[in-house]
Amino acid sequence: NTWVMTGIALAVLVAIIVVARQLGSRAWAIALGLLLGAAIGNLT
């Protein structure tokens, strides 16, 4: 179900962007940055 995995990765990207709008913690910025870079890497 490769397309399902792609859809999940896209949903994760959207969730990260939405959560980042409330960003006020450096540790959270690092965690979300790692998730974002990794998700885009596998999506590539």
PDB file of all heavy atoms in Angstrom:
ATOM      1  N   ASN A   1       0.839  -1.204   0.000  1.00  0.00           N
ATOM      2  CA  ASN A   1       0.000   0.000   0.000  1.00  0.00           C
ATOM      3  C   ASN A   1       0.869   1.247   0.000  1.00  0.00           C
ATOM      4  O   ASN A   1       0.794   2.088   0.900  1.00  0.00           O
ATOM      5  CB  ASN A   1      -0.933  -0.003   1.219  1.00  0.00           C
ATOM      6  CG  ASN A   1      -1.856  -1.206   1.246  1.00  0.00           C
ATOM      7  OD1 ASN A   1      -2.853  -1.242   0.543  1.00  0.00           O
ATOM      8  ND2 ASN A   1      -1.511  -2.194   2.060  1.00  0.00           N
ATOM      9  N   THR A   2       1.693   1.374  -1.028  1.00  0.00           N
ATOM     10  CA  THR A   2       2.636   2.477  -1.079  1.00  0.00           C
ATOM     11  C   THR A   2       1.936   3.829  -1.093  1.00  0.00           C
ATOM     12  O   THR A   2       2.380   4.790  -0.444  1.00  0.00           O
ATOM     13  CB  THR A   2       3.532   2.346  -2.320  1.00  0.00           C
ATOM     14  OG1 THR A   2       4.136   1.044  -2.333  1.00  0.00           O
ATOM     15  CG2 THR A   2       4.624   3.400  -2.308  1.00  0.00           C
ATOM     16  N   TRP A   3       0.815   3.922  -1.811  1.00  0.00           N
ATOM     17  CA  TRP A   3       0.082   5.179  -1.867  1.00  0.00           C
ATOM     18  C   TRP A   3      -0.437   5.574  -0.481  1.00  0.00           C
ATOM     19  O   TRP A   3      -0.500   6.758  -0.153  1.00  0.00           O
ATOM     20  CB  TRP A   3      -1.092   5.083  -2.847  1.00  0.00           C
ATOM     21  CG  TRP A   3      -0.739   5.570  -4.205  1.00  0.00           C
ATOM     22  CD1 TRP A   3      -0.649   4.846  -5.354  1.00  0.00           C
ATOM     23  CD2 TRP A   3      -0.416   6.919  -4.568  1.00  0.00           C
ATOM     24  NE1 TRP A   3      -0.287   5.645  -6.411  1.00  0.00           N
ATOM     25  CE2 TRP A   3      -0.143   6.930  -5.962  1.00  0.00           C
ATOM     26  CE3 TRP A   3      -0.325   8.112  -3.871  1.00  0.00           C
ATOM     27  CZ2 TRP A   3       0.207   8.082  -6.653  1.00  0.00           C
ATOM     28  CZ3 TRP A   3       0.030   9.262  -4.552  1.00  0.00           C
ATOM     29  CH2 TRP A   3       0.289   9.250  -5.924  1.00  0.00           C
ATOM     30  N   VAL A   4      -0.807   4.579   0.329  1.00  0.00           N
ATOM     31  CA  VAL A   4      -1.267   4.876   1.691  1.00  0.00           C
ATOM     32  C   VAL A   4      -0.128   5.486   2.504  1.00  0.00           C
ATOM     33  O   VAL A   4      -0.316   6.463   3.237  1.00  0.00           O
ATOM     34  CB  VAL A   4      -1.802   3.604   2.369  1.00  0.00           C
ATOM     35  CG1 VAL A   4      -2.160   3.890   3.827  1.00  0.00           C
ATOM     36  CG2 VAL A   4      -3.007   3.070   1.616  1.00  0.00           C
ATOM     37  N   MET A   5       1.066   4.915   2.353  1.00  0.00           N
ATOM     38  CA  MET A   5       2.231   5.452   3.068  1.00  0.00           C
ATOM     39  C   MET A   5       2.530   6.888   2.629  1.00  0.00           C
ATOM     40  O   MET A   5       2.872   7.750   3.442  1.00  0.00           O
ATOM     41  CB  MET A   5       3.463   4.573   2.805  1.00  0.00           C
ATOM     42  CG  MET A   5       3.328   3.128   3.267  1.00  0.00           C
ATOM     43  SD  MET A   5       3.087   2.981   5.048  1.00  0.00           S
ATOM     44  CE  MET A   5       1.328   2.618   5.113  1.00  0.00           C
ATOM     45  N   THR A   6       2.381   7.155   1.333  1.00  0.00           N
ATOM     46  CA  THR A   6       2.597   8.511   0.828  1.00  0.00           C
ATOM     47  C   THR A   6       1.565   9.471   1.408  1.00  0.00           C
ATOM     48  O   THR A   6       1.901  10.595   1.819  1.00  0.00           O
ATOM     49  CB  THR A   6       2.516   8.522  -0.710  1.00  0.00           C
ATOM     50  OG1 THR A   6       3.490   7.616  -1.243  1.00  0.00           O
ATOM     51  CG2 THR A   6       2.774   9.927  -1.250  1.00  0.00           C
ATOM     52  N   GLY A   7       0.307   9.037   1.475  1.00  0.00           N
ATOM     53  CA  GLY A   7      -0.749   9.877   2.043  1.00  0.00           C
ATOM     54  C   GLY A   7      -0.515  10.172   3.507  1.00  0.00           C
ATOM     55  O   GLY A   7      -0.734  11.306   3.969  1.00  0.00           O
ATOM     56  N   ILE A   8      -0.047   9.163   4.247  1.00  0.00           N
ATOM     57  CA  ILE A   8       0.241   9.374   5.670  1.00  0.00           C
ATOM     58  C   ILE A   8       1.370  10.384   5.841  1.00  0.00           C
ATOM     59  O   ILE A   8       1.314  11.273   6.701  1.00  0.00           O
ATOM     60  CB  ILE A   8       0.591   8.035   6.347  1.00  0.00           C
ATOM     61  CG1 ILE A   8      -0.642   7.132   6.397  1.00  0.00           C
ATOM     62  CG2 ILE A   8       1.154   8.267   7.748  1.00  0.00           C
ATOM     63  CD1 ILE A   8      -0.365   5.742   6.929  1.00  0.00           C
ATOM     64  N   ALA A   9       2.407  10.268   5.005  1.00  0.00           N
ATOM     65  CA  ALA A   9       3.535  11.202   5.091  1.00  0.00           C
ATOM     66  C   ALA A   9       3.083  12.629   4.790  1.00  0.00           C
ATOM     67  O   ALA A   9       3.510  13.583   5.459  1.00  0.00           O
ATOM     68  CB  ALA A   9       4.631  10.775   4.112  1.00  0.00           C
ATOM     69  N   LEU A  10       2.199  12.806   3.811  1.00  0.00           N
ATOM     70  CA  LEU A  10       1.679  14.133   3.503  1.00  0.00           C
ATOM     71  C   LEU A  10       0.844  14.684   4.663  1.00  0.00           C
ATOM     72  O   LEU A  10       0.919  15.877   4.986  1.00  0.00           O
ATOM     73  CB  LEU A  10       0.837  14.077   2.227  1.00  0.00           C
ATOM     74  CG  LEU A  10       1.616  13.853   0.922  1.00  0.00           C
ATOM     75  CD1 LEU A  10       0.645  13.621  -0.232  1.00  0.00           C
ATOM     76  CD2 LEU A  10       2.522  15.043   0.624  1.00  0.00           C
ATOM     77  N   ALA A  11       0.060  13.809   5.295  1.00  0.00           N
ATOM     78  CA  ALA A  11      -0.741  14.235   6.454  1.00  0.00           C
ATOM     79  C   ALA A  11       0.157  14.668   7.603  1.00  0.00           C
ATOM     80  O   ALA A  11      -0.148  15.635   8.317  1.00  0.00           O
ATOM     81  CB  ALA A  11      -1.662  13.099   6.894  1.00  0.00           C
ATOM     82  N   VAL A  12       1.275  13.968   7.785  1.00  0.00           N
ATOM     83  CA  VAL A  12       2.230  14.341   8.834  1.00  0.00           C
ATOM     84  C   VAL A  12       2.805  15.725   8.564  1.00  0.00           C
ATOM     85  O   VAL A  12       2.949  16.554   9.479  1.00  0.00           O
ATOM     86  CB  VAL A  12       3.361  13.297   8.932  1.00  0.00           C
ATOM     87  CG1 VAL A  12       4.490  13.804   9.835  1.00  0.00           C
ATOM     88  CG2 VAL A  12       2.818  11.981   9.478  1.00  0.00           C
ATOM     89  N   LEU A  13       3.107  16.008   7.295  1.00  0.00           N
ATOM     90  CA  LEU A  13       3.633  17.326   6.938  1.00  0.00           C
ATOM     91  C   LEU A  13       2.636  18.424   7.293  1.00  0.00           C
ATOM     92  O   LEU A  13       3.010  19.463   7.866  1.00  0.00           O
ATOM     93  CB  LEU A  13       3.949  17.374   5.440  1.00  0.00           C
ATOM     94  CG  LEU A  13       5.156  16.566   4.961  1.00  0.00           C
ATOM     95  CD1 LEU A  13       5.323  16.729   3.455  1.00  0.00           C
ATOM     96  CD2 LEU A  13       6.414  16.991   5.692  1.00  0.00           C
ATOM     97  N   VAL A  14       1.378  18.219   6.954  1.00  0.00           N
ATOM     98  CA  VAL A  14       0.345  19.208   7.251  1.00  0.00           C
ATOM     99  C   VAL A  14       0.215  19.397   8.767  1.00  0.00           C
ATOM    100  O   VAL A  14       0.103  20.528   9.259  1.00  0.00           O
ATOM    101  CB  VAL A  14      -1.004  18.789   6.638  1.00  0.00           C
ATOM    102  CG1 VAL A  14      -2.115  19.742   7.081  1.00  0.00           C
ATOM    103  CG2 VAL A  14      -0.917  18.755   5.116  1.00  0.00           C
ATOM    104  N   ALA A  15       0.232  18.284   9.517  1.00  0.00           N
ATOM    105  CA  ALA A  15       0.108  18.368  10.974  1.00  0.00           C
ATOM    106  C   ALA A  15       1.267  19.151  11.580  1.00  0.00           C
ATOM    107  O   ALA A  15       1.077  19.967  12.500  1.00  0.00           O
ATOM    108  CB  ALA A  15       0.047  16.962  11.567  1.00  0.00           C
ATOM    109  N   ILE A  16       2.485  18.930  11.074  1.00  0.00           N
ATOM    110  CA  ILE A  16       3.651  19.650  11.588  1.00  0.00           C
ATOM    111  C   ILE A  16       3.503  21.150  11.354  1.00  0.00           C
ATOM    112  O   ILE A  16       3.777  21.968  12.230  1.00  0.00           O
ATOM    113  CB  ILE A  16       4.937  19.119  10.931  1.00  0.00           C
ATOM    114  CG1 ILE A  16       5.211  17.680  11.383  1.00  0.00           C
ATOM    115  CG2 ILE A  16       6.127  20.011  11.285  1.00  0.00           C
ATOM    116  CD1 ILE A  16       6.362  17.021  10.653  1.00  0.00           C
ATOM    117  N   ILE A  17       3.039  21.523  10.158  1.00  0.00           N
ATOM    118  CA  ILE A  17       2.866  22.935   9.826  1.00  0.00           C
ATOM    119  C   ILE A  17       1.823  23.578  10.737  1.00  0.00           C
ATOM    120  O   ILE A  17       2.005  24.704  11.226  1.00  0.00           O
ATOM    121  CB  ILE A  17       2.474  23.085   8.349  1.00  0.00           C
ATOM    122  CG1 ILE A  17       3.640  22.637   7.456  1.00  0.00           C
ATOM    123  CG2 ILE A  17       2.098  24.528   8.040  1.00  0.00           C
ATOM    124  CD1 ILE A  17       3.292  22.576   5.985  1.00  0.00           C
ATOM    125  N   VAL A  18       0.722  22.869  10.988  1.00  0.00           N
ATOM    126  CA  VAL A  18      -0.338  23.404  11.840  1.00  0.00           C
ATOM    127  C   VAL A  18       0.154  23.579  13.279  1.00  0.00           C
ATOM    128  O   VAL A  18      -0.056  24.624  13.916  1.00  0.00           O
ATOM    129  CB  VAL A  18      -1.577  22.492  11.801  1.00  0.00           C
ATOM    130  CG1 VAL A  18      -2.598  22.930  12.842  1.00  0.00           C
ATOM    131  CG2 VAL A  18      -2.207  22.507  10.406  1.00  0.00           C
ATOM    132  N   VAL A  19       0.840  22.562  13.798  1.00  0.00           N
ATOM    133  CA  VAL A  19       1.333  22.620  15.185  1.00  0.00           C
ATOM    134  C   VAL A  19       2.384  23.710  15.335  1.00  0.00           C
ATOM    135  O   VAL A  19       2.450  24.409  16.368  1.00  0.00           O
ATOM    136  CB  VAL A  19       1.901  21.250  15.598  1.00  0.00           C
ATOM    137  CG1 VAL A  19       2.611  21.337  16.951  1.00  0.00           C
ATOM    138  CG2 VAL A  19       0.790  20.206  15.674  1.00  0.00           C
ATOM    139  N   ALA A  20       3.210  23.893  14.305  1.00  0.00           N
ATOM    140  CA  ALA A  20       4.299  24.870  14.389  1.00  0.00           C
ATOM    141  C   ALA A  20       3.803  26.296  14.534  1.00  0.00           C
ATOM    142  O   ALA A  20       4.548  27.171  14.971  1.00  0.00           O
ATOM    143  CB  ALA A  20       5.185  24.750  13.153  1.00  0.00           C
ATOM    144  N   ARG A  21       2.555  26.559  14.217  1.00  0.00           N
ATOM    145  CA  ARG A  21       2.003  27.918  14.354  1.00  0.00           C
ATOM    146  C   ARG A  21       1.928  28.340  15.821  1.00  0.00           C
ATOM    147  O   ARG A  21       1.857  29.529  16.119  1.00  0.00           O
ATOM    148  CB  ARG A  21       0.618  27.973  13.726  1.00  0.00           C
ATOM    149  CG  ARG A  21       0.615  27.720  12.216  1.00  0.00           C
ATOM    150  CD  ARG A  21      -0.785  27.660  11.659  1.00  0.00           C
ATOM    151  NE  ARG A  21      -1.501  28.913  11.848  1.00  0.00           N
ATOM    152  CZ  ARG A  21      -2.778  29.083  11.518  1.00  0.00           C
ATOM    153  NH1 ARG A  21      -3.470  28.089  10.989  1.00  0.00           N
ATOM    154  NH2 ARG A  21      -3.358  30.253  11.704  1.00  0.00           N
ATOM    155  N   GLN A  22       1.930  27.378  16.745  1.00  0.00           N
ATOM    156  CA  GLN A  22       1.880  27.682  18.178  1.00  0.00           C
ATOM    157  C   GLN A  22       3.264  27.617  18.828  1.00  0.00           C
ATOM    158  O   GLN A  22       3.387  27.646  20.039  1.00  0.00           O
ATOM    159  CB  GLN A  22       0.950  26.694  18.883  1.00  0.00           C
ATOM    160  CG  GLN A  22      -0.429  26.587  18.274  1.00  0.00           C
ATOM    161  CD  GLN A  22      -1.246  25.478  18.921  1.00  0.00           C
ATOM    162  OE1 GLN A  22      -0.938  25.026  20.021  1.00  0.00           O
ATOM    163  NE2 GLN A  22      -2.280  25.027  18.246  1.00  0.00           N
ATOM    164  N   LEU A  23       4.299  27.535  18.009  1.00  0.00           N
ATOM    165  CA  LEU A  23       5.635  27.242  18.507  1.00  0.00           C
ATOM    166  C   LEU A  23       6.125  28.301  19.494  1.00  0.00           C
ATOM    167  O   LEU A  23       6.060  29.500  19.232  1.00  0.00           O
ATOM    168  CB  LEU A  23       6.600  27.154  17.317  1.00  0.00           C
ATOM    169  CG  LEU A  23       7.950  26.481  17.561  1.00  0.00           C
ATOM    170  CD1 LEU A  23       7.752  25.060  18.061  1.00  0.00           C
ATOM    171  CD2 LEU A  23       8.752  26.469  16.260  1.00  0.00           C
ATOM    172  N   GLY A  24       6.627  27.820  20.650  1.00  0.00           N
ATOM    173  CA  GLY A  24       7.192  28.706  21.659  1.00  0.00           C
ATOM    174  C   GLY A  24       8.300  28.039  22.445  1.00  0.00           C
ATOM    175  O   GLY A  24       8.757  28.560  23.454  1.00  0.00           O
ATOM    176  N   SER A  25       8.756  26.877  21.976  1.00  0.00           N
ATOM    177  CA  SER A  25       9.776  26.096  22.677  1.00  0.00           C
ATOM    178  C   SER A  25      10.874  25.699  21.700  1.00  0.00           C
ATOM    179  O   SER A  25      10.592  25.168  20.618  1.00  0.00           O
ATOM    180  CB  SER A  25       9.146  24.847  23.302  1.00  0.00           C
ATOM    181  OG  SER A  25      10.131  23.888  23.655  1.00  0.00           O
ATOM    182  N   ARG A  26      12.136  25.922  22.079  1.00  0.00           N
ATOM    183  CA  ARG A  26      13.250  25.544  21.212  1.00  0.00           C
ATOM    184  C   ARG A  26      13.342  24.027  21.060  1.00  0.00           C
ATOM    185  O   ARG A  26      13.633  23.529  19.969  1.00  0.00           O
ATOM    186  CB  ARG A  26      14.563  26.092  21.778  1.00  0.00           C
ATOM    187  CG  ARG A  26      15.766  25.798  20.891  1.00  0.00           C
ATOM    188  CD  ARG A  26      17.048  26.406  21.439  1.00  0.00           C
ATOM    189  NE  ARG A  26      17.030  27.858  21.334  1.00  0.00           N
ATOM    190  CZ  ARG A  26      16.839  28.683  22.362  1.00  0.00           C
ATOM    191  NH1 ARG A  26      16.646  28.194  23.581  1.00  0.00           N
ATOM    192  NH2 ARG A  26      16.835  29.990  22.203  1.00  0.00           N
ATOM    193  N   ALA A  27      13.088  23.296  22.142  1.00  0.00           N
ATOM    194  CA  ALA A  27      13.138  21.840  22.057  1.00  0.00           C
ATOM    195  C   ALA A  27      12.079  21.311  21.092  1.00  0.00           C
ATOM    196  O   ALA A  27      12.325  20.384  20.310  1.00  0.00           O
ATOM    197  CB  ALA A  27      12.947  21.227  23.446  1.00  0.00           C
ATOM    198  N   TRP A  28      10.881  21.907  21.153  1.00  0.00           N
ATOM    199  CA  TRP A  28       9.828  21.507  20.215  1.00  0.00           C
ATOM    200  C   TRP A  28      10.208  21.886  18.786  1.00  0.00           C
ATOM    201  O   TRP A  28       9.876  21.171  17.827  1.00  0.00           O
ATOM    202  CB  TRP A  28       8.501  22.148  20.608  1.00  0.00           C
ATOM    203  CG  TRP A  28       7.694  21.308  21.548  1.00  0.00           C
ATOM    204  CD1 TRP A  28       7.588  21.457  22.904  1.00  0.00           C
ATOM    205  CD2 TRP A  28       6.880  20.184  21.209  1.00  0.00           C
ATOM    206  NE1 TRP A  28       6.752  20.493  23.429  1.00  0.00           N
ATOM    207  CE2 TRP A  28       6.306  19.705  22.414  1.00  0.00           C
ATOM    208  CE3 TRP A  28       6.578  19.537  20.016  1.00  0.00           C
ATOM    209  CZ2 TRP A  28       5.451  18.605  22.445  1.00  0.00           C
ATOM    210  CZ3 TRP A  28       5.727  18.434  20.040  1.00  0.00           C
ATOM    211  CH2 TRP A  28       5.180  17.983  21.244  1.00  0.00           C
ATOM    212  N   ALA A  29      10.887  23.016  18.607  1.00  0.00           N
ATOM    213  CA  ALA A  29      11.325  23.419  17.273  1.00  0.00           C
ATOM    214  C   ALA A  29      12.290  22.378  16.696  1.00  0.00           C
ATOM    215  O   ALA A  29      12.214  22.027  15.508  1.00  0.00           O
ATOM    216  CB  ALA A  29      11.980  24.796  17.328  1.00  0.00           C
ATOM    217  N   ILE A  30      13.189  21.876  17.530  1.00  0.00           N
ATOM    218  CA  ILE A  30      14.137  20.849  17.076  1.00  0.00           C
ATOM    219  C   ILE A  30      13.404  19.560  16.727  1.00  0.00           C
ATOM    220  O   ILE A  30      13.659  18.942  15.679  1.00  0.00           O
ATOM    221  CB  ILE A  30      15.198  20.600  18.156  1.00  0.00           C
ATOM    222  CG1 ILE A  30      16.064  21.852  18.340  1.00  0.00           C
ATOM    223  CG2 ILE A  30      16.061  19.401  17.801  1.00  0.00           C
ATOM    224  CD1 ILE A  30      17.032  21.769  19.505  1.00  0.00           C
ATOM    225  N   ALA A  31      12.485  19.142  17.605  1.00  0.00           N
ATOM    226  CA  ALA A  31      11.750  17.901  17.362  1.00  0.00           C
ATOM    227  C   ALA A  31      10.932  17.983  16.076  1.00  0.00           C
ATOM    228  O   ALA A  31      10.950  17.070  15.241  1.00  0.00           O
ATOM    229  CB  ALA A  31      10.839  17.590  18.551  1.00  0.00           C
ATOM    230  N   LEU A  32      10.213  19.097  15.897  1.00  0.00           N
ATOM    231  CA  LEU A  32       9.399  19.257  14.695  1.00  0.00           C
ATOM    232  C   LEU A  32      10.272  19.386  13.451  1.00  0.00           C
ATOM    233  O   LEU A  32       9.909  18.913  12.367  1.00  0.00           O
ATOM    234  CB  LEU A  32       8.482  20.462  14.832  1.00  0.00           C
ATOM    235  CG  LEU A  32       7.396  20.361  15.914  1.00  0.00           C
ATOM    236  CD1 LEU A  32       6.590  21.657  15.994  1.00  0.00           C
ATOM    237  CD2 LEU A  32       6.467  19.186  15.629  1.00  0.00           C
ATOM    238  N   GLY A  33      11.438  20.025  13.594  1.00  0.00           N
ATOM    239  CA  GLY A  33      12.357  20.130  12.468  1.00  0.00           C
ATOM    240  C   GLY A  33      12.872  18.777  12.024  1.00  0.00           C
ATOM    241  O   GLY A  33      12.966  18.489  10.816  1.00  0.00           O
ATOM    242  N   LEU A  34      13.212  17.929  12.976  1.00  0.00           N
ATOM    243  CA  LEU A  34      13.656  16.570  12.644  1.00  0.00           C
ATOM    244  C   LEU A  34      12.561  15.778  11.929  1.00  0.00           C
ATOM    245  O   LEU A  34      12.813  15.099  10.920  1.00  0.00           O
ATOM    246  CB  LEU A  34      14.093  15.830  13.915  1.00  0.00           C
ATOM    247  CG  LEU A  34      15.381  16.316  14.588  1.00  0.00           C
ATOM    248  CD1 LEU A  34      15.594  15.588  15.911  1.00  0.00           C
ATOM    249  CD2 LEU A  34      16.576  16.107  13.664  1.00  0.00           C
ATOM    250  N   LEU A  35      11.339  15.892  12.454  1.00  0.00           N
ATOM    251  CA  LEU A  35      10.217  15.193  11.815  1.00  0.00           C
ATOM    252  C   LEU A  35       9.974  15.718  10.402  1.00  0.00           C
ATOM    253  O   LEU A  35       9.739  14.938   9.468  1.00  0.00           O
ATOM    254  CB  LEU A  35       8.952  15.365  12.659  1.00  0.00           C
ATOM    255  CG  LEU A  35       8.824  14.523  13.924  1.00  0.00           C
ATOM    256  CD1 LEU A  35       7.529  14.877  14.660  1.00  0.00           C
ATOM    257  CD2 LEU A  35       8.838  13.040  13.580  1.00  0.00           C
ATOM    258  N   LEU A  36      10.027  17.034  10.254  1.00  0.00           N
ATOM    259  CA  LEU A  36       9.752  17.627   8.947  1.00  0.00           C
ATOM    260  C   LEU A  36      10.802  17.208   7.919  1.00  0.00           C
ATOM    261  O   LEU A  36      10.467  16.793   6.798  1.00  0.00           O
ATOM    262  CB  LEU A  36       9.715  19.153   9.082  1.00  0.00           C
ATOM    263  CG  LEU A  36       9.381  19.936   7.817  1.00  0.00           C
ATOM    264  CD1 LEU A  36       7.988  19.572   7.319  1.00  0.00           C
ATOM    265  CD2 LEU A  36       9.473  21.439   8.085  1.00  0.00           C
ATOM    266  N   GLY A  37      12.080  17.329   8.281  1.00  0.00           N
ATOM    267  CA  GLY A  37      13.149  16.954   7.350  1.00  0.00           C
ATOM    268  C   GLY A  37      13.095  15.486   6.982  1.00  0.00           C
ATOM    269  O   GLY A  37      13.289  15.114   5.798  1.00  0.00           O
ATOM    270  N   ALA A  38      12.836  14.618   7.964  1.00  0.00           N
ATOM    271  CA  ALA A  38      12.775  13.185   7.700  1.00  0.00           C
ATOM    272  C   ALA A  38      11.583  12.832   6.821  1.00  0.00           C
ATOM    273  O   ALA A  38      11.690  12.023   5.886  1.00  0.00           O
ATOM    274  CB  ALA A  38      12.699  12.419   9.020  1.00  0.00           C
ATOM    275  N   ALA A  39      10.436  13.451   7.094  1.00  0.00           N
ATOM    276  CA  ALA A  39       9.245  13.159   6.296  1.00  0.00           C
ATOM    277  C   ALA A  39       9.430  13.589   4.846  1.00  0.00           C
ATOM    278  O   ALA A  39       9.064  12.868   3.906  1.00  0.00           O
ATOM    279  CB  ALA A  39       8.032  13.862   6.908  1.00  0.00           C
ATOM    280  N   ILE A  40      10.021  14.771   4.649  1.00  0.00           N
ATOM    281  CA  ILE A  40      10.262  15.242   3.278  1.00  0.00           C
ATOM    282  C   ILE A  40      11.295  14.350   2.586  1.00  0.00           C
ATOM    283  O   ILE A  40      11.193  14.070   1.381  1.00  0.00           O
ATOM    284  CB  ILE A  40      10.724  16.709   3.287  1.00  0.00           C
ATOM    285  CG1 ILE A  40       9.606  17.615   3.819  1.00  0.00           C
ATOM    286  CG2 ILE A  40      11.127  17.161   1.888  1.00  0.00           C
ATOM    287  CD1 ILE A  40      10.007  19.072   3.953  1.00  0.00           C
ATOM    288  N   GLY A  41      12.279  13.868   3.363  1.00  0.00           N
ATOM    289  CA  GLY A  41      13.289  12.983   2.786  1.00  0.00           C
ATOM    290  C   GLY A  41      12.681  11.703   2.241  1.00  0.00           C
ATOM    291  O   GLY A  41      12.970  11.289   1.101  1.00  0.00           O
ATOM    292  N   ASN A  42      11.831  11.060   3.018  1.00  0.00           N
ATOM    293  CA  ASN A  42      11.206   9.828   2.548  1.00  0.00           C
ATOM    294  C   ASN A  42      10.187  10.102   1.439  1.00  0.00           C
ATOM    295  O   ASN A  42      10.009   9.287   0.531  1.00  0.00           O
ATOM    296  CB  ASN A  42      10.543   9.094   3.717  1.00  0.00           C
ATOM    297  CG  ASN A  42      11.551   8.369   4.594  1.00  0.00           C
ATOM    298  OD1 ASN A  42      12.655   8.046   4.158  1.00  0.00           O
ATOM    299  ND2 ASN A  42      11.180   8.133   5.845  1.00  0.00           N
ATOM    300  N   LEU A  43       9.500  11.274   1.519  1.00  0.00           N
ATOM    301  CA  LEU A  43       8.571  11.637   0.455  1.00  0.00           C
ATOM    302  C   LEU A  43       9.307  11.856  -0.870  1.00  0.00           C
ATOM    303  O   LEU A  43       8.790  11.533  -1.947  1.00  0.00           O
ATOM    304  CB  LEU A  43       7.803  12.896   0.831  1.00  0.00           C
ATOM    305  CG  LEU A  43       6.438  12.695   1.506  1.00  0.00           C
ATOM    306  CD1 LEU A  43       5.825  14.044   1.853  1.00  0.00           C
ATOM    307  CD2 LEU A  43       5.497  11.886   0.637  1.00  0.00           C
ATOM    308  N   THR A  44      10.508  12.410  -0.796  1.00  0.00           N
ATOM    309  CA  THR A  44      11.303  12.600  -2.012  1.00  0.00           C
ATOM    310  C   THR A  44      11.535  11.266  -2.709  1.00  0.00           C
ATOM    311  O   THR A  44      11.415  11.168  -3.947  1.00  0.00           O
ATOM    312  CB  THR A  44      12.646  13.270  -1.667  1.00  0.00           C
ATOM    313  OG1 THR A  44      12.409  14.544  -1.074  1.00  0.00           O
ATOM    314  CG2 THR A  44      13.504  13.430  -2.913  1.00  0.00           C
TER     315      THR A  44
END
